[in-house]
C-alpha atoms as a PDB file:
ATOM      1  CA  LEU A   1     142.622  83.947  90.866  1.00  0.00           C
ATOM      2  CA  ARG A   2     144.430  86.419  88.609  1.00  0.00           C
ATOM      3  CA  GLY A   3     144.125  83.809  85.807  1.00  0.00           C
ATOM      4  CA  VAL A   4     140.454  83.348  86.285  1.00  0.00           C
ATOM      5  CA  LEU A   5     139.909  87.064  86.247  1.00  0.00           C
ATOM      6  CA  GLY A   6     142.124  87.566  83.165  1.00  0.00           C
ATOM      7  CA  MET A   7     144.633  89.707  85.082  1.00  0.00           C
ATOM      8  CA  GLU A   8     148.360  89.993  84.570  1.00  0.00           C
ATOM      9  CA  MET A   9     150.322  88.148  87.211  1.00  0.00           C
ATOM     10  CA  ASP A  10     152.162  91.383  88.346  1.00  0.00           C
ATOM     11  CA  GLU A  11     148.944  93.418  88.314  1.00  0.00           C
ATOM     12  CA  PRO A  12     148.054  94.629  91.834  1.00  0.00           C
ATOM     13  CA  MET A  13     144.881  93.205  93.120  1.00  0.00           C
ATOM     14  CA  GLU A  14     142.874  94.425  96.190  1.00  0.00           C
ATOM     15  CA  ILE A  15     140.291  92.102  97.796  1.00  0.00           C
ATOM     16  CA  VAL A  16     137.729  93.798  99.999  1.00  0.00           C
ATOM     17  CA  THR A  17     136.763  91.639 102.952  1.00  0.00           C
ATOM     18  CA  GLU A  18     134.532  94.061 104.729  1.00  0.00           C
ATOM     19  CA  VAL A  19     130.737  93.968 104.259  1.00  0.00           C
ATOM     20  CA  GLU A  20     128.324  96.565 105.514  1.00  0.00           C
ATOM     21  CA  SER A  21     126.739  95.290 108.696  1.00  0.00           C
ATOM     22  CA  ARG A  22     123.916  97.826 109.186  1.00  0.00           C
ATOM     23  CA  ARG A  23     121.363  96.534 111.635  1.00  0.00           C
ATOM     24  CA  PHE A  24     117.603  96.811 111.489  1.00  0.00           C
ATOM     25  CA  ALA A  25     115.156  96.443 114.333  1.00  0.00           C
ATOM     26  CA  VAL A  26     112.331  94.392 112.806  1.00  0.00           C
ATOM     27  CA  ASP A  27     108.794  94.547 114.235  1.00  0.00           C
ATOM     28  CA  SER A  28     107.321  91.075 113.652  1.00  0.00           C
ATOM     29  CA  SER A  29     103.675  92.289 113.933  1.00  0.00           C
ATOM     30  CA  LYS A  30     104.363  95.068 111.401  1.00  0.00           C
ATOM     31  CA  ALA A  31     106.043  92.645 109.095  1.00  0.00           C
ATOM     32  CA  LEU A  32     103.009  90.392 109.250  1.00  0.00           C
ATOM     33  CA  GLN A  33     100.625  93.270 108.635  1.00  0.00           C
ATOM     34  CA  LEU A  34     102.475  94.586 105.623  1.00  0.00           C
ATOM     35  CA  GLY A  35     103.028  91.128 104.174  1.00  0.00           C
ATOM     36  CA  LEU A  36      99.350  90.227 104.329  1.00  0.00           C
ATOM     37  CA  GLN A  37      98.468  93.509 102.787  1.00  0.00           C
ATOM     38  CA  ARG A  38     100.989  93.448  99.895  1.00  0.00           C
ATOM     39  CA  ARG A  39     101.564  89.842  98.980  1.00  0.00           C
ATOM     40  CA  THR A  40     100.312  89.480  95.366  1.00  0.00           C
ATOM     41  CA  ASP A  41      99.795  85.686  95.690  1.00  0.00           C
ATOM     42  CA  LEU A  42      97.281  86.257  98.553  1.00  0.00           C
ATOM     43  CA  ARG A  43      95.603  89.024  96.537  1.00  0.00           C
ATOM     44  CA  GLN A  44      95.254  86.557  93.621  1.00  0.00           C
ATOM     45  CA  ALA A  45      93.590  83.963  95.890  1.00  0.00           C
ATOM     46  CA  GLU A  46      91.203  86.501  97.337  1.00  0.00           C
ATOM     47  CA  ILE A  47      90.289  87.759  93.844  1.00  0.00           C
ATOM     48  CA  GLN A  48      89.620  84.151  92.726  1.00  0.00           C
ATOM     49  CA  GLU A  49      87.410  83.668  95.749  1.00  0.00           C
ATOM     50  CA  GLU A  50      85.390  86.803  94.856  1.00  0.00           C
ATOM     51  CA  ILE A  51      85.085  85.655  91.303  1.00  0.00           C
ATOM     52  CA  ASN A  52      83.659  82.295  92.482  1.00  0.00           C
ATOM     53  CA  ARG A  53      81.302  84.068  94.869  1.00  0.00           C
ATOM     54  CA  LEU A  54      79.896  86.170  92.006  1.00  0.00           C
ATOM     55  CA  GLY A  55      79.730  83.009  89.830  1.00  0.00           C
ATOM     56  CA  LEU A  56      77.613  81.285  92.472  1.00  0.00           C
ATOM     57  CA  GLU A  57      75.197  84.235  92.651  1.00  0.00           C
ATOM     58  CA  GLN A  58      74.983  84.383  88.883  1.00  0.00           C
ATOM     59  CA  SER A  59      74.344  80.639  88.742  1.00  0.00           C
ATOM     60  CA  LYS A  60      71.475  80.933  91.243  1.00  0.00           C
ATOM     61  CA  ARG A  61      69.911  83.693  89.210  1.00  0.00           C
ATOM     62  CA  ASP A  62      70.311  81.936  85.888  1.00  0.00           C
ATOM     63  CA  ASN A  63      68.811  78.669  87.214  1.00  0.00           C
ATOM     64  CA  GLY A  64      65.943  80.128  89.206  1.00  0.00           C
ATOM     65  CA  PRO A  65      62.422  81.137  88.173  1.00  0.00           C
ATOM     66  CA  ILE A  66      61.972  84.552  86.457  1.00  0.00           C
ATOM     67  CA  ALA A  67      58.730  86.475  87.094  1.00  0.00           C
ATOM     68  CA  THR A  68      57.599  89.328  84.857  1.00  0.00           C
ATOM     69  CA  LEU A  69      54.796  91.702  85.863  1.00  0.00           C
ATOM     70  CA  ASN A  70      52.740  93.225  83.047  1.00  0.00           C
ATOM     71  CA  ALA A  71      50.118  95.892  83.627  1.00  0.00           C
ATOM     72  CA  ASN A  72      47.925  97.533  81.002  1.00  0.00           C
ATOM     73  CA  VAL A  73      45.395 100.288  81.410  1.00  0.00           C
ATOM     74  CA  GLY A  74      43.034 101.350  78.722  1.00  0.00           C
ATOM     75  CA  VAL A  75      41.217 104.647  79.350  1.00  0.00           C
ATOM     76  CA  ARG A  76      37.891 104.971  77.508  1.00  0.00           C
ATOM     77  CA  GLY A  77      35.211 107.623  77.545  1.00  0.00           C
ATOM     78  CA  ARG A  78      37.513 110.496  77.104  1.00  0.00           C
ATOM     79  CA  GLY A  79      35.958 113.883  76.901  1.00  0.00           C
ATOM     80  CA  SER A  80      37.036 117.426  76.541  1.00  0.00           C
ATOM     81  CA  GLU A  81      36.927 117.980  80.208  1.00  0.00           C
ATOM     82  CA  VAL A  82      39.249 116.461  82.816  1.00  0.00           C
ATOM     83  CA  GLY A  83      36.379 115.186  84.830  1.00  0.00           C
ATOM     84  CA  ASP A  84      35.118 113.127  81.866  1.00  0.00           C
ATOM     85  CA  ILE A  85      38.033 110.677  82.346  1.00  0.00           C
ATOM     86  CA  SER A  86      37.526 110.175  86.080  1.00  0.00           C
ATOM     87  CA  SER A  87      33.831 109.880  85.817  1.00  0.00           C
ATOM     88  CA  ASN A  88      34.147 107.078  83.306  1.00  0.00           C
ATOM     89  CA  LEU A  89      37.149 105.334  84.986  1.00  0.00           C
ATOM     90  CA  GLU A  90      35.021 102.408  86.215  1.00  0.00           C
ATOM     91  CA  ARG A  91      34.317 101.562  82.548  1.00  0.00           C
ATOM     92  CA  ASN A  92      38.014 101.751  81.633  1.00  0.00           C
ATOM     93  CA  LEU A  93      39.878  98.460  80.849  1.00  0.00           C
ATOM     94  CA  TRP A  94      42.498  97.356  83.441  1.00  0.00           C
ATOM     95  CA  SER A  95      44.659  94.287  83.009  1.00  0.00           C
ATOM     96  CA  VAL A  96      47.432  92.960  85.181  1.00  0.00           C
ATOM     97  CA  GLY A  97      49.391  89.814  84.606  1.00  0.00           C
ATOM     98  CA  ILE A  98      52.423  87.988  86.029  1.00  0.00           C
ATOM     99  CA  GLU A  99      54.418  85.789  83.739  1.00  0.00           C
ATOM    100  CA  VAL A 100      56.742  83.211  85.379  1.00  0.00           C
ATOM    101  CA  THR A 101      59.374  81.502  83.216  1.00  0.00           C
ATOM    102  CA  MET A 102      61.813  78.734  84.000  1.00  0.00           C
ATOM    103  CA  PRO A 103      65.148  77.923  82.280  1.00  0.00           C
ATOM    104  CA  LEU A 104      64.960  75.161  79.731  1.00  0.00           C
ATOM    105  CA  LEU A 105      66.816  72.807  81.962  1.00  0.00           C
ATOM    106  CA  ASP A 106      65.615  69.950  84.171  1.00  0.00           C
ATOM    107  CA  GLY A 107      65.767  70.249  87.928  1.00  0.00           C
ATOM    108  CA  GLY A 108      68.742  67.957  88.279  1.00  0.00           C
ATOM    109  CA  VAL A 109      70.919  69.978  85.885  1.00  0.00           C
ATOM    110  CA  ARG A 110      69.974  73.212  87.556  1.00  0.00           C
ATOM    111  CA  GLU A 111      70.809  71.918  90.951  1.00  0.00           C
ATOM    112  CA  GLY A 112      74.091  70.472  89.719  1.00  0.00           C
ATOM    113  CA  SER A 113      75.116  73.763  88.248  1.00  0.00           C
ATOM    114  CA  VAL A 114      74.458  75.665  91.479  1.00  0.00           C
ATOM    115  CA  GLU A 115      76.218  72.890  93.518  1.00  0.00           C
ATOM    116  CA  GLN A 116      79.317  73.092  91.297  1.00  0.00           C
ATOM    117  CA  ALA A 117      79.451  76.889  91.733  1.00  0.00           C
ATOM    118  CA  GLN A 118      79.133  76.354  95.497  1.00  0.00           C
ATOM    119  CA  ALA A 119      81.891  73.781  95.467  1.00  0.00           C
ATOM    120  CA  ASP A 120      84.200  76.139  93.465  1.00  0.00           C
ATOM    121  CA  LEU A 121      83.514  78.908  96.058  1.00  0.00           C
ATOM    122  CA  GLU A 122      84.370  76.571  99.002  1.00  0.00           C
ATOM    123  CA  LYS A 123      87.594  75.462  97.269  1.00  0.00           C
ATOM    124  CA  SER A 124      88.639  79.048  96.695  1.00  0.00           C
ATOM    125  CA  LYS A 125      87.870  79.894 100.369  1.00  0.00           C
ATOM    126  CA  ILE A 126      90.101  77.014 101.500  1.00  0.00           C
ATOM    127  CA  ALA A 127      92.827  78.025  99.086  1.00  0.00           C
ATOM    128  CA  THR A 128      92.743  81.624 100.387  1.00  0.00           C
ATOM    129  CA  SER A 129      92.931  80.440 104.005  1.00  0.00           C
ATOM    130  CA  LEU A 130      95.843  78.090 103.335  1.00  0.00           C
ATOM    131  CA  LYS A 131      97.696  80.817 101.352  1.00  0.00           C
ATOM    132  CA  ARG A 132      97.273  83.224 104.262  1.00  0.00           C
ATOM    133  CA  GLN A 133      98.574  80.619 106.721  1.00  0.00           C
ATOM    134  CA  GLU A 134     101.501  79.947 104.500  1.00  0.00           C
ATOM    135  CA  ILE A 135     102.415  83.532 104.228  1.00  0.00           C
ATOM    136  CA  VAL A 136     102.175  83.989 108.032  1.00  0.00           C
ATOM    137  CA  ARG A 137     104.546  81.049 108.579  1.00  0.00           C
ATOM    138  CA  GLU A 138     106.933  82.287 105.937  1.00  0.00           C
ATOM    139  CA  ILE A 139     107.115  85.824 107.372  1.00  0.00           C
ATOM    140  CA  ARG A 140     107.560  84.568 110.917  1.00  0.00           C
ATOM    141  CA  ASN A 141     110.339  82.262 109.794  1.00  0.00           C
ATOM    142  CA  THR A 142     112.168  85.094 107.979  1.00  0.00           C
ATOM    143  CA  VAL A 143     111.872  87.396 110.991  1.00  0.00           C
ATOM    144  CA  ARG A 144     113.253  84.669 113.220  1.00  0.00           C
ATOM    145  CA  ASN A 145     116.090  83.966 110.733  1.00  0.00           C
ATOM    146  CA  VAL A 146     116.964  87.704 110.739  1.00  0.00           C
ATOM    147  CA  ALA A 147     117.142  87.717 114.520  1.00  0.00           C
ATOM    148  CA  GLN A 148     119.246  84.552 114.547  1.00  0.00           C
ATOM    149  CA  ALA A 149     121.647  85.979 111.858  1.00  0.00           C
ATOM    150  CA  GLU A 150     122.028  89.138 113.820  1.00  0.00           C
ATOM    151  CA  ARG A 151     122.849  87.154 116.935  1.00  0.00           C
ATOM    152  CA  GLN A 152     125.470  85.197 114.910  1.00  0.00           C
ATOM    153  CA  ILE A 153     127.150  88.460 113.997  1.00  0.00           C
ATOM    154  CA  GLU A 154     127.541  89.338 117.645  1.00  0.00           C
ATOM    155  CA  LEU A 155     128.941  85.833 118.537  1.00  0.00           C
ATOM    156  CA  ARG A 156     131.323  85.884 115.550  1.00  0.00           C
ATOM    157  CA  THR A 157     132.471  89.392 116.329  1.00  0.00           C
ATOM    158  CA  ALA A 158     133.230  88.372 119.930  1.00  0.00           C
ATOM    159  CA  ALA A 159     135.068  85.263 118.708  1.00  0.00           C
ATOM    160  CA  LEU A 160     137.087  87.408 116.250  1.00  0.00           C
ATOM    161  CA  GLU A 161     138.168  89.724 119.057  1.00  0.00           C
ATOM    162  CA  VAL A 162     139.315  86.764 121.201  1.00  0.00           C
ATOM    163  CA  ALA A 163     141.246  85.349 118.210  1.00  0.00           C
ATOM    164  CA  GLU A 164     142.945  88.690 117.606  1.00  0.00           C
ATOM    165  CA  ARG A 165     144.037  88.985 121.265  1.00  0.00           C
ATOM    166  CA  THR A 166     145.208  85.369 121.239  1.00  0.00           C
ATOM    167  CA  TYR A 167     147.303  85.944 118.163  1.00  0.00           C
ATOM    168  CA  GLU A 168     148.851  89.089 119.620  1.00  0.00           C
ATOM    169  CA  VAL A 169     149.794  87.195 122.761  1.00  0.00           C
ATOM    170  CA  GLU A 170     151.254  84.234 120.832  1.00  0.00           C
ATOM    171  CA  GLN A 171     153.169  86.557 118.593  1.00  0.00           C
ATOM    172  CA  SER A 172     154.698  88.331 121.617  1.00  0.00           C
ATOM    173  CA  ARG A 173     155.545  84.927 123.166  1.00  0.00           C
ATOM    174  CA  PHE A 174     157.180  83.871 119.843  1.00  0.00           C
ATOM    175  CA  GLU A 175     159.321  86.936 119.660  1.00  0.00           C
ATOM    176  CA  LEU A 176     160.466  86.243 123.200  1.00  0.00           C
ATOM    177  CA  GLY A 177     161.273  82.632 122.189  1.00  0.00           C
ATOM    178  CA  LEU A 178     158.733  81.131 124.538  1.00  0.00           C
ATOM    179  CA  ILE A 179     156.815  79.166 121.824  1.00  0.00           C
ATOM    180  CA  GLN A 180     157.516  77.298 118.610  1.00  0.00           C
ATOM    181  CA  SER A 181     156.635  78.740 115.279  1.00  0.00           C
ATOM    182  CA  GLN A 182     153.916  76.151 114.809  1.00  0.00           C
ATOM    183  CA  THR A 183     152.043  77.478 117.800  1.00  0.00           C
ATOM    184  CA  LEU A 184     152.059  80.947 116.215  1.00  0.00           C
ATOM    185  CA  LEU A 185     150.894  79.477 112.866  1.00  0.00           C
ATOM    186  CA  ASP A 186     148.081  77.770 114.645  1.00  0.00           C
ATOM    187  CA  ALA A 187     146.992  81.072 116.248  1.00  0.00           C
ATOM    188  CA  GLN A 188     147.309  82.762 112.913  1.00  0.00           C
ATOM    189  CA  GLY A 189     145.098  80.074 111.334  1.00  0.00           C
ATOM    190  CA  GLU A 190     142.465  80.477 114.003  1.00  0.00           C
ATOM    191  CA  LEU A 191     142.469  84.212 113.498  1.00  0.00           C
ATOM    192  CA  THR A 192     141.990  83.793 109.767  1.00  0.00           C
ATOM    193  CA  GLN A 193     139.089  81.386 110.330  1.00  0.00           C
ATOM    194  CA  ALA A 194     137.510  83.852 112.789  1.00  0.00           C
ATOM    195  CA  ARG A 195     137.687  86.561 110.228  1.00  0.00           C
ATOM    196  CA  ILE A 196     136.079  84.352 107.653  1.00  0.00           C
ATOM    197  CA  ASP A 197     133.333  83.297 110.125  1.00  0.00           C
ATOM    198  CA  ALA A 198     132.677  86.972 110.942  1.00  0.00           C
ATOM    199  CA  LEU A 199     132.499  87.899 107.337  1.00  0.00           C
ATOM    200  CA  GLU A 200     130.134  85.036 106.559  1.00  0.00           C
ATOM    201  CA  SER A 201     127.815  85.946 109.395  1.00  0.00           C
ATOM    202  CA  VAL A 202     127.427  89.484 107.999  1.00  0.00           C
ATOM    203  CA  ILE A 203     126.811  88.107 104.500  1.00  0.00           C
ATOM    204  CA  ASN A 204     124.174  85.716 105.873  1.00  0.00           C
ATOM    205  CA  TYR A 205     122.494  88.582 107.725  1.00  0.00           C
ATOM    206  CA  ARG A 206     122.229  90.537 104.487  1.00  0.00           C
ATOM    207  CA  ARG A 207     120.786  87.490 102.711  1.00  0.00           C
ATOM    208  CA  GLN A 208     118.203  87.080 105.513  1.00  0.00           C
ATOM    209  CA  LEU A 209     117.185  90.758 105.106  1.00  0.00           C
ATOM    210  CA  VAL A 210     116.685  90.194 101.379  1.00  0.00           C
ATOM    211  CA  ASP A 211     114.461  87.228 102.175  1.00  0.00           C
ATOM    212  CA  LEU A 212     112.511  89.350 104.610  1.00  0.00           C
ATOM    213  CA  ARG A 213     111.928  92.120 101.949  1.00  0.00           C
ATOM    214  CA  VAL A 214     110.713  89.444  99.530  1.00  0.00           C
ATOM    215  CA  SER A 215     108.296  87.759 101.970  1.00  0.00           C
ATOM    216  CA  THR A 216     106.785  91.044 103.103  1.00  0.00           C
ATOM    217  CA  MET A 217     107.141  93.025  99.837  1.00  0.00           C
ATOM    218  CA  ALA A 218     108.183  95.989 102.097  1.00  0.00           C
ATOM    219  CA  GLU A 219     111.331  98.116 102.470  1.00  0.00           C
ATOM    220  CA  LEU A 220     113.357  97.471 105.596  1.00  0.00           C
ATOM    221  CA  GLU A 221     112.657 100.963 106.939  1.00  0.00           C
ATOM    222  CA  GLU A 222     108.955 100.110 106.974  1.00  0.00           C
ATOM    223  CA  LEU A 223     109.407  97.034 109.148  1.00  0.00           C
ATOM    224  CA  GLY A 224     110.581  98.697 112.303  1.00  0.00           C
ATOM    225  CA  LEU A 225     112.784 101.353 113.772  1.00  0.00           C
ATOM    226  CA  PRO A 226     115.864 102.276 111.858  1.00  0.00           C
ATOM    227  CA  PRO A 227     119.262 101.468 113.391  1.00  0.00           C
ATOM    228  CA  GLU A 228     120.730 103.979 115.739  1.00  0.00           C
END
């Protein structure tokens, strides 16, 4: 190890085997709520759905008839008095017209354009729904993994305490000459393994918390009550 690290062979080296095991009480419903609010991939799917909805509306407008209302009024028989206009109003020229125009496309092309926009909207709706379901499953899995990792810490800690007591007993028996050295070495090996298992359980718990933060895009303090 010293060689890999580029250290001198007589240089002292301290290896830290303790990892912070701070616990967090995670509220699964809050994790789901925050995750669905903050996940950018879900926002992207929802934005695409809205774009396709607007595209369908635009396609219907572009391929539908357009009506224009024109109104013209010509006032004749004007006089110097206000009443001259009203008295001659029946002789004034009135014209009203409605002009209807259609796009220069045949009916099949117009319908196809609208149907394509409708299909794009339906696809985006399905994509949004599937993305939401995927996120819900992912968050639920990460919350469950955190709970399982926390339970593993408890079990490994209990196993470590048993291994420590066993080693102490075997060491006392060895000092009294009641057991062979191999028995003491076996107890020492079990203690070492118990320590490794306890350390790995804490590391795994920290990894699961990182996965939870990623899946919810929230800080751990936002997902439930802080540890006591």
